[in-house]
Amino acid sequence: MIALIRSLTPLAKRIIGGAILVALLAILFTLQQCSTARTAKTEAKLSGKQAEAAMQSGTDAVETVGRTIEYERHVDYITRENERAIQTAPGADAPVDPDLARVARERLCQRAAYHQHPDCVQRTPAE
């Protein structure tokens, strides 16, 4: 093999050297393009996963808010049903100690179900 290389003219050696250099550069360029394509594909896949996670997070948040609202509605419904049951129970029209009535009204007015009740709307925080 060495004898063959020595027998080549200087021009032939340069041409072969140049061809090898071009081939190496082509191989390196191809490897870089493959790496770039692989990186782009990975980034696109990652972006897709991030978008999917963000959508799932948003869905979870909406569902949580919906469940919270539904729970609060249920609590308010129970509160109103309790009020109806108390007001229609035997003895509901019996006199109540004024201090007890005041404390009960204050506590009820703190509930969302009573925020618009006339007794609560007319109250001032000092009462």
Protein backbone atom coordinates (compact mmCIF):
# COMPACT_ATOMS: atom_id res chain seq x y z
CA MET A 1 0.00 0.00 0.00
CA ILE A 2 2.87 2.35 0.86
CA ALA A 3 4.55 1.56 -2.46
CA LEU A 4 1.34 2.47 -4.28
CA ILE A 5 1.14 5.82 -2.48
CA ARG A 6 4.81 6.56 -3.24
CA SER A 7 4.27 5.82 -6.89
CA LEU A 8 1.57 8.50 -7.21
CA THR A 9 2.40 11.89 -8.58
CA PRO A 10 2.20 14.88 -6.26
CA LEU A 11 -0.95 16.04 -8.07
CA ALA A 12 -2.63 12.64 -7.62
CA LYS A 13 -1.71 12.67 -3.94
CA ARG A 14 -3.30 16.11 -3.59
CA ILE A 15 -6.43 15.02 -5.42
CA ILE A 16 -6.80 11.90 -3.26
CA GLY A 17 -6.08 13.95 -0.09
CA GLY A 18 -8.67 16.51 -1.16
CA ALA A 19 -11.21 13.78 -1.92
CA ILE A 20 -10.64 12.26 1.52
CA LEU A 21 -10.99 15.69 3.14
CA VAL A 22 -14.22 16.37 1.22
CA ALA A 23 -15.55 12.93 2.20
CA LEU A 24 -14.72 13.58 5.87
CA LEU A 25 -16.36 17.00 5.74
CA ALA A 26 -19.45 15.48 4.11
CA ILE A 27 -19.63 12.83 6.83
CA LEU A 28 -19.25 15.45 9.58
CA PHE A 29 -21.88 17.67 7.96
CA THR A 30 -24.29 14.71 7.71
CA LEU A 31 -23.70 13.78 11.36
CA GLN A 32 -24.31 17.39 12.41
CA GLN A 33 -27.54 17.53 10.39
CA CYS A 34 -28.73 14.28 11.99
CA SER A 35 -27.90 15.65 15.43
CA THR A 36 -29.70 18.92 14.69
CA ALA A 37 -32.74 17.05 13.39
CA ARG A 38 -32.75 14.79 16.44
CA THR A 39 -32.48 17.82 18.75
CA ALA A 40 -35.32 19.60 16.93
CA LYS A 41 -37.45 16.47 17.14
CA THR A 42 -36.71 16.15 20.86
CA GLU A 43 -37.52 19.83 21.46
CA ALA A 44 -40.77 19.52 19.53
CA LYS A 45 -41.72 16.44 21.53
CA LEU A 46 -40.85 18.22 24.78
CA SER A 47 -42.87 21.28 23.78
CA GLY A 48 -45.81 19.04 22.98
CA LYS A 49 -45.54 17.36 26.39
CA GLN A 50 -45.31 20.75 28.11
CA ALA A 51 -48.39 21.99 26.28
CA GLU A 52 -50.22 18.79 27.18
CA ALA A 53 -49.22 19.19 30.84
CA ALA A 54 -50.35 22.83 30.83
CA MET A 55 -53.73 21.88 29.36
CA GLN A 56 -54.15 19.12 31.95
CA SER A 57 -53.22 21.55 34.72
CA GLY A 58 -55.81 24.03 33.44
CA THR A 59 -58.44 21.30 33.25
CA ASP A 60 -57.62 20.23 36.80
CA ALA A 61 -57.89 23.83 38.02
CA VAL A 62 -61.28 24.32 36.34
CA GLU A 63 -62.55 21.05 37.81
CA THR A 64 -61.31 22.05 41.27
CA VAL A 65 -63.03 25.43 41.08
CA GLY A 66 -66.21 23.73 39.86
CA ARG A 67 -66.15 21.24 42.74
CA THR A 68 -65.53 24.05 45.23
CA ILE A 69 -68.46 26.07 43.90
CA GLU A 70 -70.70 23.02 43.97
CA TYR A 71 -69.61 22.24 47.54
CA GLU A 72 -70.34 25.82 48.64
CA ARG A 73 -73.78 25.66 47.01
CA HIS A 74 -74.45 22.40 48.84
CA VAL A 75 -73.38 23.92 52.18
CA ASP A 76 -75.59 26.96 51.55
CA TYR A 77 -78.52 24.69 50.66
CA ILE A 78 -78.09 22.78 53.93
CA THR A 79 -77.87 26.05 55.85
CA ARG A 80 -81.13 27.31 54.33
CA GLU A 81 -82.83 23.97 54.96
CA ASN A 82 -81.68 24.12 58.58
CA GLU A 83 -83.08 27.63 58.90
CA ARG A 84 -86.43 26.48 57.47
CA ALA A 85 -86.53 23.49 59.82
CA ILE A 86 -85.73 25.66 62.85
CA GLN A 87 -88.31 28.32 61.96
CA THR A 88 -91.08 25.77 61.39
CA ALA A 89 -90.30 23.64 64.45
CA PRO A 90 -92.70 23.67 67.40
CA GLY A 91 -91.78 26.50 69.77
CA ALA A 92 -89.99 28.49 67.07
CA ASP A 93 -92.09 31.53 67.95
CA ALA A 94 -91.10 31.39 71.65
CA PRO A 95 -89.13 34.35 73.00
CA VAL A 96 -85.33 34.08 72.71
CA ASP A 97 -82.79 35.81 74.90
CA PRO A 98 -81.70 39.00 73.02
CA ASP A 99 -77.97 38.22 73.46
CA LEU A 100 -78.47 34.73 72.02
CA ALA A 101 -80.44 36.17 69.09
CA ARG A 102 -77.70 38.74 68.41
CA VAL A 103 -74.89 36.15 68.45
CA ALA A 104 -76.88 33.74 66.27
CA ARG A 105 -77.60 36.51 63.74
CA GLU A 106 -73.93 37.57 63.67
CA ARG A 107 -72.83 34.01 62.98
CA LEU A 108 -75.44 33.42 60.30
CA CYS A 109 -74.58 36.69 58.54
CA GLN A 110 -71.01 35.44 58.11
CA ARG A 111 -72.29 32.64 55.87
CA ALA A 112 -72.47 33.27 52.12
CA ALA A 113 -76.06 32.03 52.06
CA TYR A 114 -77.10 34.98 54.23
CA HIS A 115 -75.04 37.82 52.77
CA GLN A 116 -78.11 39.18 50.95
CA HIS A 117 -80.58 38.49 53.76
CA PRO A 118 -82.23 41.77 54.88
CA ASP A 119 -81.07 41.33 58.50
CA CYS A 120 -77.47 40.94 57.30
CA VAL A 121 -77.43 43.64 54.63
CA GLN A 122 -78.65 46.29 57.10
CA ARG A 123 -76.13 45.33 59.81
CA THR A 124 -73.00 47.37 60.35
CA PRO A 125 -69.76 45.62 61.40
CA ALA A 126 -70.04 47.20 64.89
CA GLU A 127 -73.41 45.55 65.60
